[in-house]
Protein backbone atom coordinates (compact mmCIF):
# COMPACT_ATOMS: atom_id res chain seq x y z
CA MET A 1 96.25 86.90 90.31
CA LEU A 2 97.97 90.08 89.09
CA SER A 3 98.91 92.19 92.13
CA GLY A 4 98.83 95.98 92.22
CA LEU A 5 96.81 96.54 89.03
CA VAL A 6 94.05 99.13 88.78
CA LEU A 7 91.17 98.12 86.51
CA PHE A 8 88.52 100.47 85.12
CA PHE A 9 84.96 99.90 84.06
CA SER A 10 82.16 102.22 82.97
CA VAL A 11 78.70 102.57 84.48
CA SER A 12 76.28 104.89 82.64
CA GLY A 13 79.21 106.65 81.04
CA VAL A 14 81.03 107.28 84.34
CA SER A 15 84.41 105.64 84.93
CA ALA A 16 84.97 103.79 88.20
CA ALA A 17 88.03 102.04 89.60
CA SER A 18 88.37 98.47 90.79
CA THR A 19 91.63 97.85 92.62
CA SER A 20 93.48 94.87 93.95
CA ASN A 21 93.78 95.04 97.72
CA SER A 22 97.45 95.94 97.46
CA THR A 23 96.62 99.36 96.03
CA ILE A 24 94.69 102.05 97.92
CA ALA A 25 92.55 104.07 95.53
CA ASN A 26 89.50 106.24 96.07
CA HIS A 27 89.38 107.95 92.68
CA THR A 28 87.69 107.16 89.41
CA LYS A 29 90.82 107.39 87.30
CA THR A 30 94.47 106.90 88.13
CA LYS A 31 97.72 107.75 86.40
CA VAL A 32 101.09 106.25 87.19
CA ALA A 33 103.16 109.03 88.73
CA SER A 34 106.22 109.78 86.60
CA PRO A 35 107.88 112.88 88.05
CA ALA A 36 110.86 112.49 85.71
CA THR A 37 108.76 113.76 82.80
CA VAL A 38 105.97 115.72 84.48
CA LYS A 39 106.20 117.77 87.65
CA ILE A 40 103.59 116.44 90.07
CA SER A 41 102.77 118.16 93.35
CA PHE A 42 100.36 117.43 96.17
CA THR A 43 98.91 119.62 98.89
CA PRO A 44 99.54 118.81 102.56
CA SER A 45 95.84 117.97 102.98
CA GLN A 46 96.04 115.44 100.14
CA ILE A 47 99.10 113.83 101.69
CA GLY A 48 97.38 113.79 105.08
CA ALA A 49 94.35 112.01 103.65
CA ALA A 50 96.61 109.45 101.96
CA SER A 51 98.47 108.93 105.24
CA THR A 52 95.20 108.03 106.95
CA GLN A 53 94.53 105.44 104.23
CA VAL A 54 98.01 103.90 104.46
CA LYS A 55 97.83 103.77 108.26
CA SER A 56 94.44 102.05 108.18
CA TYR A 57 95.57 99.58 105.51
CA TYR A 58 98.67 98.66 107.50
CA GLU A 59 96.75 98.15 110.73
CA LYS A 60 94.19 95.96 108.99
CA ASN A 61 96.59 93.86 106.89
CA ASN A 62 99.87 94.02 108.87
CA LYS A 63 101.67 95.16 105.73
CA LEU A 64 101.96 98.20 103.51
CA PRO A 65 100.01 98.55 100.25
CA ASP A 66 102.02 98.46 97.03
CA ASN A 67 100.76 101.92 96.07
CA VAL A 68 98.50 104.72 97.20
CA VAL A 69 96.50 106.93 94.83
CA ILE A 70 96.73 110.65 95.54
CA ASN A 71 94.76 113.08 93.38
CA ASN A 72 94.40 110.44 90.64
CA HIS A 73 98.12 109.58 90.61
CA LYS A 74 99.48 106.22 91.72
CA VAL A 75 102.36 106.76 94.14
CA THR A 76 104.78 104.01 95.17
CA MET A 77 105.64 103.48 98.82
CA PRO A 78 109.22 104.83 98.48
CA GLN A 79 107.75 107.95 96.85
CA PHE A 80 105.08 108.16 99.52
CA LEU A 81 107.78 108.10 102.21
CA GLN A 82 109.38 111.13 100.53
CA LEU A 83 106.04 112.96 100.54
CA VAL A 84 105.25 112.33 104.22
CA LEU A 85 108.77 113.29 105.24
CA ASP A 86 108.57 116.55 103.28
CA ASP A 87 105.16 117.24 104.83
CA ILE A 88 106.41 116.71 108.39
CA TYR A 89 109.48 118.83 107.59
CA GLN A 90 107.23 121.64 106.33
CA ILE A 91 104.88 121.44 109.31
CA SER A 92 107.84 121.68 111.69
CA ASN A 93 108.91 124.82 109.83
CA LYS A 94 105.35 126.23 109.66
CA LYS A 95 105.08 125.95 105.88
CA THR A 96 102.05 124.79 103.88
CA THR A 97 103.22 124.86 100.25
CA ALA A 98 102.53 122.04 97.79
CA ILE A 99 105.10 119.22 97.81
CA THR A 100 106.68 117.94 94.59
CA LEU A 101 106.90 114.21 94.02
CA LYS A 102 110.39 112.78 93.42
CA ASN A 103 111.74 109.58 91.87
CA VAL A 104 112.65 107.38 94.86
CA ALA A 105 114.01 103.85 94.56
CA ALA A 106 113.05 101.06 96.96
CA PRO A 107 115.51 99.91 99.64
CA SER A 108 117.53 96.73 99.07
CA LYS A 109 117.22 94.86 102.37
CA PRO A 110 115.33 96.51 105.27
CA VAL A 111 116.43 95.39 108.74
CA GLU A 112 115.27 96.31 112.24
CA ASN A 113 116.54 96.12 115.81
CA LEU A 114 113.98 98.15 117.71
CA LYS A 115 112.51 98.13 121.18
CA THR A 116 108.98 99.23 122.08
CA GLY A 117 108.76 102.75 123.40
CA GLN A 118 107.84 106.28 122.41
CA LEU A 119 109.46 109.11 120.53
CA THR A 120 108.84 112.69 121.58
CA LYS A 121 107.82 115.24 118.98
CA SER A 122 111.36 116.59 118.71
CA GLN A 123 112.73 113.04 118.38
CA TYR A 124 110.40 111.93 115.59
CA ILE A 125 110.86 115.24 113.74
CA ASN A 126 114.62 114.68 113.91
CA LEU A 127 114.10 111.12 112.63
CA ALA A 128 112.07 112.53 109.73
CA LYS A 129 114.84 115.00 108.89
CA LEU A 130 117.52 112.28 108.93
CA THR A 131 115.44 109.99 106.71
CA ARG A 132 114.59 112.85 104.36
CA SER A 133 118.27 113.81 104.02
CA TYR A 134 119.13 110.22 103.11
CA ILE A 135 116.49 110.10 100.38
CA TYR A 136 117.52 113.45 98.90
CA SER A 137 121.22 112.54 98.89
CA THR A 138 120.89 108.98 97.53
CA GLY A 139 117.62 108.95 95.57
CA LYS A 140 116.38 105.85 97.37
CA ALA A 141 114.59 104.94 100.59
CA PRO A 142 116.81 103.72 103.45
CA ASN A 143 116.86 100.13 104.67
CA SER A 144 116.66 101.50 108.20
CA VAL A 145 117.41 104.60 110.26
CA ASN A 146 118.76 104.87 113.80
CA CYS A 147 116.59 106.45 116.49
CA THR A 148 116.67 106.55 120.29
CA LEU A 149 114.86 103.20 120.47
CA GLY A 150 117.20 101.38 118.08
CA THR A 151 117.13 100.76 114.34
CA ILE A 152 113.75 101.23 112.67
CA LYS A 153 113.20 99.62 109.26
CA TYR A 154 111.77 101.11 106.07
CA GLN A 155 108.25 99.66 106.43
CA ASN A 156 107.97 100.83 110.03
CA LEU A 157 109.18 104.31 109.06
CA ILE A 158 106.33 104.62 106.57
CA TYR A 159 103.76 103.33 109.07
CA ASN A 160 104.85 105.62 111.90
CA PHE A 161 105.12 108.73 109.76
CA SER A 162 101.69 107.88 108.33
CA LYS A 163 100.33 107.66 111.91
CA ILE A 164 101.78 111.06 112.70
CA LEU A 165 100.24 112.73 109.64
CA ALA A 166 96.92 110.93 110.13
CA PHE A 167 96.79 112.48 113.61
CA GLN A 168 97.72 115.87 112.13
CA ALA A 169 94.92 115.55 109.58
CA ALA A 170 92.35 114.75 112.27
CA ASN A 171 93.50 117.20 114.97
CA ASN A 172 95.23 120.00 113.04
CA ARG A 173 98.40 119.53 115.08
CA LEU A 174 101.25 117.07 115.38
CA PRO A 175 101.00 114.53 118.22
CA ASN A 176 103.10 115.11 121.33
CA PHE A 177 104.73 111.70 120.90
CA ASP A 178 104.69 108.61 118.68
CA SER A 179 104.34 105.11 120.14
CA VAL A 180 106.77 102.81 118.33
CA SER A 181 107.08 99.02 118.32
CA PRO A 182 108.97 96.51 116.15
CA VAL A 183 107.34 95.22 112.98
CA SER A 184 105.66 91.91 113.77
CA THR A 185 107.67 88.90 112.61
CA GLY A 186 105.50 86.22 114.14
CA ALA A 187 107.64 86.10 117.28
CA LYS A 188 106.14 85.95 120.74
CA THR A 189 105.26 89.20 122.42
CA SER A 190 108.11 90.55 124.55
CA SER A 191 108.00 89.97 128.28
CA TYR A 192 108.32 93.73 128.77
CA ALA A 193 105.14 94.40 126.80
CA LEU A 194 103.21 91.65 128.59
CA ALA A 195 104.29 92.85 132.02
CA THR A 196 103.41 96.44 131.13
CA VAL A 197 99.97 95.49 129.82
CA ASP A 198 99.21 93.39 132.91
CA SER A 199 100.32 96.15 135.27
CA ILE A 200 98.02 98.67 133.60
CA GLY A 201 95.20 96.12 133.38
CA TYR A 202 95.13 95.38 137.09
CA ALA A 203 95.35 99.10 137.88
CA GLU A 204 92.33 99.82 135.63
CA ALA A 205 90.25 97.11 137.32
CA LYS A 206 89.94 99.15 140.51
CA PHE A 207 87.80 101.85 138.83
CA ARG A 208 84.02 101.50 139.21
CA ASP A 209 81.72 101.91 136.22
CA VAL A 210 79.54 104.97 136.91
CA GLN A 211 77.70 106.68 134.07
CA GLY A 212 77.93 110.42 133.53
CA GLN A 213 81.49 110.93 134.75
CA SER A 214 83.53 111.05 131.53
CA SER A 215 86.87 112.54 132.61
CA ALA A 216 89.89 110.24 132.89
CA SER A 217 91.67 112.60 135.29
CA VAL A 218 88.61 112.85 137.54
CA MET A 219 88.18 109.07 137.46
CA GLU A 220 91.75 108.63 138.66
CA LYS A 221 91.03 110.94 141.61
CA CYS A 222 87.56 109.77 142.61
CA GLY A 223 87.77 106.09 141.60
CA TYR A 224 84.90 105.88 139.13
CA GLY A 225 83.86 106.89 135.61
CA ASP A 226 82.01 105.79 132.50
CA CYS A 227 83.37 104.10 129.37
CA TRP A 228 84.59 107.43 128.00
CA ALA A 229 86.67 108.09 131.09
CA ASP A 230 87.91 104.51 131.29
CA SER A 231 88.94 104.22 127.63
CA SER A 232 90.72 107.59 127.77
CA TRP A 233 92.54 106.50 130.93
CA LEU A 234 93.66 103.23 129.31
CA TYR A 235 94.66 105.07 126.14
CA GLY A 236 96.82 107.52 128.07
CA LYS A 237 98.53 104.90 130.24
CA LEU A 238 99.19 102.43 127.42
CA SER A 239 100.41 105.13 125.02
CA ALA A 240 102.78 106.51 127.64
CA ALA A 241 104.19 103.01 128.11
CA GLY A 242 104.83 102.64 124.39
CA ILE A 243 102.00 100.17 123.73
CA SER A 244 100.11 100.69 120.45
CA VAL A 245 96.51 101.45 121.45
CA ARG A 246 93.38 102.87 119.87
CA ILE A 247 89.91 103.79 121.14
CA MET A 248 86.97 101.96 119.58
CA SER A 249 83.30 102.88 119.70
CA THR A 250 79.76 102.15 118.64
CA THR A 251 77.66 105.09 117.50
CA SER A 252 74.12 106.28 116.96
CA GLY A 253 73.54 108.52 113.97
CA GLY A 254 77.27 108.62 113.26
CA VAL A 255 77.96 111.30 115.87
CA TYR A 256 76.95 110.34 119.40
CA TYR A 257 79.17 107.63 120.87
CA LEU A 258 77.16 105.09 122.86
CA HIS A 259 80.06 102.98 124.09
CA ARG A 260 83.84 103.06 124.03
CA TRP A 261 86.57 100.52 124.71
CA VAL A 262 90.20 100.07 123.63
CA GLU A 263 92.20 97.75 121.40
CA ILE A 264 95.95 97.13 121.66
CA ASN A 265 98.59 95.81 119.27
CA VAL A 266 101.66 94.21 120.84
CA GLY A 267 102.95 92.66 117.63
CA ASN A 268 100.16 90.21 116.75
CA GLY A 269 97.56 92.55 115.27
CA TRP A 270 94.83 94.60 116.92
CA GLN A 271 93.11 92.81 119.82
CA THR A 272 90.25 93.94 122.09
CA TRP A 273 91.53 94.82 125.55
CA ASN A 274 91.04 91.80 127.82
CA TYR A 275 88.73 93.37 130.41
CA ALA A 276 87.70 89.96 131.78
CA LYS A 277 91.29 88.89 132.49
CA TYR A 278 91.76 91.72 134.97
CA HIS A 279 88.20 91.53 136.37
CA SER A 280 87.50 95.03 135.14
CA GLN A 281 84.26 96.64 136.22
CA HIS A 282 83.86 98.14 132.75
CA TYR A 283 82.39 96.61 129.61
CA SER A 284 84.40 95.22 126.73
CA ALA A 285 83.41 95.55 123.04
CA LEU A 286 79.74 95.97 122.18
CA GLY A 287 79.41 95.19 118.50
CA SER A 288 82.18 95.49 115.94
CA GLY A 289 82.75 99.21 116.51
CA HIS A 290 85.11 101.46 114.59
CA TYR A 291 88.32 103.35 115.29
CA VAL A 292 87.86 106.76 116.86
CA VAL A 293 90.44 108.81 114.96
CA LYS A 294 90.24 111.88 117.15
CA SER A 295 91.39 110.39 120.43
CA SER A 296 93.13 111.70 123.52
CA VAL A 297 96.89 112.17 123.09
């Protein structure tokens, strides 16, 4: 199998793209980006859309794609890191101009020594500035960059900055914090993460399931709420503790959410929250569901 190739075929005179699953492409024709000969620029909205794709790919496959296609141009992951860093830098400085693609070499040997936790907005913006400065001064992506939680490796930098811009694309603002955890290496989940998850799980189990009360803050005060309130409460508590979490839902007509629950990722991929383990009074997954992008942060 040839990895990372983009193949084209024609249906009724219209070109369409068939990609290997290591390349993210949503366009009918792609060109290999070569900024050394042609100046190529992308709008912040285009970079935001690509960030959502990269984030989703990573969460589904536990790895980065080889490339992402932006406005018909194939962009490598080191180049993509430069784009997302420039975008975050611009947002922090209230600028919205198009961003020019650079030649960026891949790192030689990414390493990581990171603990699970969260970075505040000012902390992850500072991390973006440090990483951006390294790329602009050396012409290559870093193996790793130091942050307040330890050393975060190249792949995890791309994933977390993609998360941040995916949130920006969905909510028109940067998130207040970014939940960070080490890249999964097949090792057992840390005792800290397990203890944190259990503590939150047993606390959630005390809330009664009552339909029509959809506020997490009200549920915490009065002791009951529906699946909206419960999933938002779990999302807030787990996020604050540095646990990767997302809200899932089933829908009717693509708009009205019939049921919500949460999934967590503590290093072994996304798993449905174990409501039964804690004897929760709320329901677990109903159907396969899908990720609710616009969630409570």
